[in-house]
Structures are given as structure tokens and as C-alpha cells.
Amino acid sequence: GAFNLPLTPFSDAAGEVVAVGAAVTRGTVGDRVCPMFFQSWFDGRPSAAGRRLALGGTCPGVLQEVMVLDAEGVSRLPPHLTFLEAATLPCAALTAWRALFVEAELRPGETVLVQGTGGVSIFALQFAKLLGAHVTVISSNDEKIARVKSLGADAAINYKTTPEWSKAT
């Protein structure tokens, strides 16, 4: 779709509710919240309507000191998480969770291939291991391969030095 420029970028954030509208019944001043990446997708299967309002894309992103969001477009944070920790959840963690448990319906003992070592990949590794899956990670960086092994990857393969990595496990 088209983007309106200038565009306020970014989608990962957490913050505190500083005001609520008169008709708002969900949330109060002082709540610690994260904005949802898709401000128009609350449940169900993905759809064009659900994806029409994407923070930092089709609507202003979070790189601002104060922003106005629909009360349905935020989730409260668990009290034990910092804002920095919680800001990783709505995009990377939920993407990994949905891929593994909604789309793939992952079960204990199954095998997962994780491509790379970015945020979604690391969450996928951790979620899959918590479930009891076998996880193989591919990366082109040996330092990152060592890190994912320390995080519980059952196998990690450098796809640059092992071009036929799919046969290596």
C-alpha cells in the first residue's frame, strides 16, 4: 500500500498510559502497556482489514514521546517486565509464537528449522525448546552459531561454509 510521508517510523515500544478518553472502559492512567503492531487486528485469521493499520507503516509509528492509540490496540504488561523487555513482545515474540503454535501447530518432539539469529528467530528457538522440539538454526556467522547453541539449539549450521546444509543434520 501507499505510505503517507513524512512517516513516523518504528513499531516496537512500551510505555505508560498518561490519559484516557471519556468513553474508554479498557485501561486506566498509569497502566504499563505495549502497542500492538497491527492496530486493526485483534483476533482471528490474518486479513487485509486486520493488517490495514501497521505501526510505522500505514499509520504513525512509535518514535514519538506521546502517541494516541485505541484502547484495543494496546496490551498491559506483566509487572515483572521492564519496558525494554516488553517492547520486544508484540512484533518479534508474537510473530514467532503464531508461526510455531497457530500456523504450524508445533508439538513436542517435532523438528524446527530457524533461519538466522534475529529477534523472531531467537524467540522461535526459545519457544520451540520450551515445548520440547528439536531445533536446528542456520546462520552465516560462527559467533552467532555459538550463541544459539548456548541458548539451547540442538544443531546449528553455517550455511556459507556448508552450502549443502540441509544434508548436514
Protein backbone atom coordinates (compact mmCIF):
# COMPACT_ATOMS: atom_id res chain seq x y z
CA GLY A 1 0.00 0.00 0.00
CA ALA A 2 0.92 3.66 -0.20
CA PHE A 3 2.62 5.39 2.69
CA ASN A 4 1.94 8.92 3.76
CA LEU A 5 5.18 10.88 4.04
CA PRO A 6 6.66 12.09 6.24
CA LEU A 7 6.27 8.87 8.21
CA THR A 8 6.95 8.34 11.90
CA PRO A 9 8.88 5.04 11.95
CA PHE A 10 9.20 2.01 14.24
CA SER A 11 6.75 -0.35 15.87
CA ASP A 12 8.42 -1.83 18.97
CA ALA A 13 7.67 0.10 22.15
CA ALA A 14 6.31 0.03 25.65
CA GLY A 15 5.14 2.87 27.82
CA GLU A 16 2.70 4.21 30.35
CA VAL A 17 -0.85 5.41 29.72
CA VAL A 18 -0.90 9.14 30.52
CA ALA A 19 -4.54 9.89 29.62
CA VAL A 20 -7.69 8.09 28.51
CA GLY A 21 -10.72 9.33 26.63
CA ALA A 22 -14.06 9.79 28.38
CA ALA A 23 -15.60 6.71 26.69
CA VAL A 24 -12.63 4.41 27.39
CA THR A 25 -13.52 1.45 29.62
CA ARG A 26 -10.40 -0.66 28.94
CA GLY A 27 -7.33 0.68 30.71
CA THR A 28 -6.52 3.50 33.08
CA VAL A 29 -3.91 6.18 33.57
CA GLY A 30 -0.72 4.60 34.86
CA ASP A 31 -1.16 1.25 33.09
CA ARG A 32 2.08 -0.08 31.59
CA VAL A 33 1.31 -1.15 28.02
CA CYS A 34 2.70 -2.24 24.65
CA PRO A 35 1.13 -1.17 21.38
CA MET A 36 0.16 -3.97 19.05
CA PHE A 37 1.95 -3.88 15.66
CA PHE A 38 -1.30 -4.22 13.72
CA GLN A 39 -3.62 -1.74 15.38
CA SER A 40 -6.60 -3.19 13.50
CA TRP A 41 -6.04 -6.96 14.04
CA PHE A 42 -7.32 -8.16 17.37
CA ASP A 43 -8.03 -11.83 16.75
CA GLY A 44 -8.79 -14.45 14.13
CA ARG A 45 -7.06 -15.22 10.86
CA PRO A 46 -4.92 -12.57 9.13
CA SER A 47 -6.89 -10.40 6.73
CA ALA A 48 -6.41 -7.24 4.71
CA ALA A 49 -8.73 -5.40 7.11
CA GLY A 50 -6.79 -6.64 10.13
CA ARG A 51 -3.47 -5.59 8.61
CA ARG A 52 -4.57 -2.17 7.37
CA LEU A 53 -3.16 -0.22 10.35
CA ALA A 54 0.51 -1.13 10.87
CA LEU A 55 2.58 0.97 13.25
CA GLY A 56 5.44 2.65 11.43
CA GLY A 57 3.90 1.75 8.07
CA THR A 58 0.34 2.65 7.21
CA CYS A 59 -0.06 4.63 10.44
CA PRO A 60 2.42 6.63 12.53
CA GLY A 61 4.99 4.56 14.39
CA VAL A 62 6.21 4.73 17.95
CA LEU A 63 9.20 7.08 17.54
CA GLN A 64 7.41 9.82 19.44
CA GLU A 65 7.20 10.88 23.07
CA VAL A 66 3.40 10.75 23.31
CA MET A 67 1.07 8.91 20.96
CA VAL A 68 -2.66 8.36 20.68
CA LEU A 69 -3.85 4.77 20.32
CA ASP A 70 -7.16 2.98 20.52
CA ALA A 71 -7.56 1.23 23.88
CA GLU A 72 -7.99 -2.04 21.94
CA GLY A 73 -4.60 -1.51 20.28
CA VAL A 74 -2.54 -1.97 23.45
CA SER A 75 -1.89 -4.80 25.89
CA ARG A 76 -0.97 -4.49 29.54
CA LEU A 77 2.50 -5.60 30.55
CA PRO A 78 3.27 -8.23 33.15
CA PRO A 79 4.62 -6.36 36.19
CA HIS A 80 7.95 -8.22 36.20
CA LEU A 81 8.99 -7.00 32.72
CA THR A 82 10.84 -3.76 32.10
CA PHE A 83 9.68 -1.50 29.28
CA LEU A 84 12.72 -2.60 27.26
CA GLU A 85 11.92 -6.30 27.72
CA ALA A 86 8.23 -5.83 26.98
CA ALA A 87 8.86 -3.83 23.81
CA THR A 88 10.24 -7.00 22.17
CA LEU A 89 7.00 -8.91 22.56
CA PRO A 90 4.32 -7.51 20.20
CA CYS A 91 6.28 -7.92 16.97
CA ALA A 92 9.10 -10.47 17.30
CA ALA A 93 7.68 -12.72 20.01
CA LEU A 94 4.13 -12.84 18.69
CA THR A 95 5.37 -13.47 15.16
CA ALA A 96 7.38 -16.47 16.37
CA TRP A 97 4.54 -17.69 18.60
CA ARG A 98 1.97 -17.50 15.82
CA ALA A 99 4.25 -19.25 13.31
CA LEU A 100 5.01 -22.14 15.67
CA PHE A 101 1.78 -22.67 17.55
CA VAL A 102 -1.02 -21.28 15.39
CA GLU A 103 0.18 -21.90 11.84
CA ALA A 104 2.46 -24.95 12.31
CA GLU A 105 0.66 -26.38 15.37
CA LEU A 106 4.06 -27.49 16.69
CA ARG A 107 4.11 -30.48 19.03
CA PRO A 108 6.78 -31.83 21.41
CA GLY A 109 9.42 -33.89 19.63
CA GLU A 110 8.93 -32.25 16.24
CA THR A 111 11.79 -30.50 14.43
CA VAL A 112 12.01 -26.78 13.74
CA LEU A 113 14.39 -25.06 11.34
CA VAL A 114 15.18 -21.49 12.39
CA GLN A 115 16.71 -19.23 9.76
CA GLY A 116 19.10 -16.66 11.17
CA THR A 117 19.59 -15.18 14.61
CA GLY A 118 17.34 -12.10 14.68
CA GLY A 119 14.63 -11.40 17.21
CA VAL A 120 11.92 -13.60 15.68
CA SER A 121 14.42 -16.46 15.28
CA ILE A 122 15.64 -16.28 18.88
CA PHE A 123 12.07 -16.25 20.20
CA ALA A 124 11.23 -19.20 17.93
CA LEU A 125 14.25 -21.11 19.27
CA GLN A 126 13.26 -20.45 22.88
CA PHE A 127 9.55 -21.22 22.41
CA ALA A 128 10.25 -24.42 20.48
CA LYS A 129 12.75 -25.64 23.09
CA LEU A 130 10.28 -24.89 25.90
CA LEU A 131 7.78 -27.13 24.11
CA GLY A 132 10.33 -29.92 23.70
CA ALA A 133 11.01 -29.62 19.97
CA HIS A 134 14.33 -30.30 18.25
CA VAL A 135 15.69 -27.00 16.89
CA THR A 136 18.24 -26.53 14.12
CA VAL A 137 19.47 -23.00 13.41
CA ILE A 138 21.19 -21.87 10.23
CA SER A 139 23.37 -18.76 10.15
CA SER A 140 26.38 -17.44 8.26
CA ASN A 141 28.13 -16.26 11.44
CA ASP A 142 30.10 -18.67 13.66
CA GLU A 143 29.89 -16.36 16.72
CA LYS A 144 26.11 -16.27 16.41
CA ILE A 145 26.07 -20.04 15.94
CA ALA A 146 27.93 -20.42 19.24
CA ARG A 147 25.38 -18.12 20.89
CA VAL A 148 22.33 -20.05 19.66
CA LYS A 149 23.93 -23.28 20.86
CA SER A 150 24.31 -21.69 24.31
CA LEU A 151 20.60 -20.79 24.11
CA GLY A 152 19.66 -24.43 23.53
CA ALA A 153 19.79 -25.06 19.79
CA ASP A 154 20.19 -28.78 19.17
CA ALA A 155 22.10 -28.13 15.96
CA ALA A 156 23.49 -25.02 14.30
CA ILE A 157 24.99 -24.93 10.83
CA ASN A 158 26.93 -22.24 9.00
CA TYR A 159 25.22 -22.23 5.60
CA LYS A 160 28.13 -20.36 3.97
CA THR A 161 30.76 -22.94 4.93
CA THR A 162 28.28 -25.81 4.49
CA PRO A 163 26.39 -24.99 1.27
CA GLU A 164 24.53 -28.30 1.43
CA TRP A 165 23.43 -27.58 4.98
CA SER A 166 20.10 -29.40 4.52
CA LYS A 167 22.05 -32.67 4.37
CA ALA A 168 24.29 -31.84 7.36
CA THR A 169 22.00 -32.69 10.26
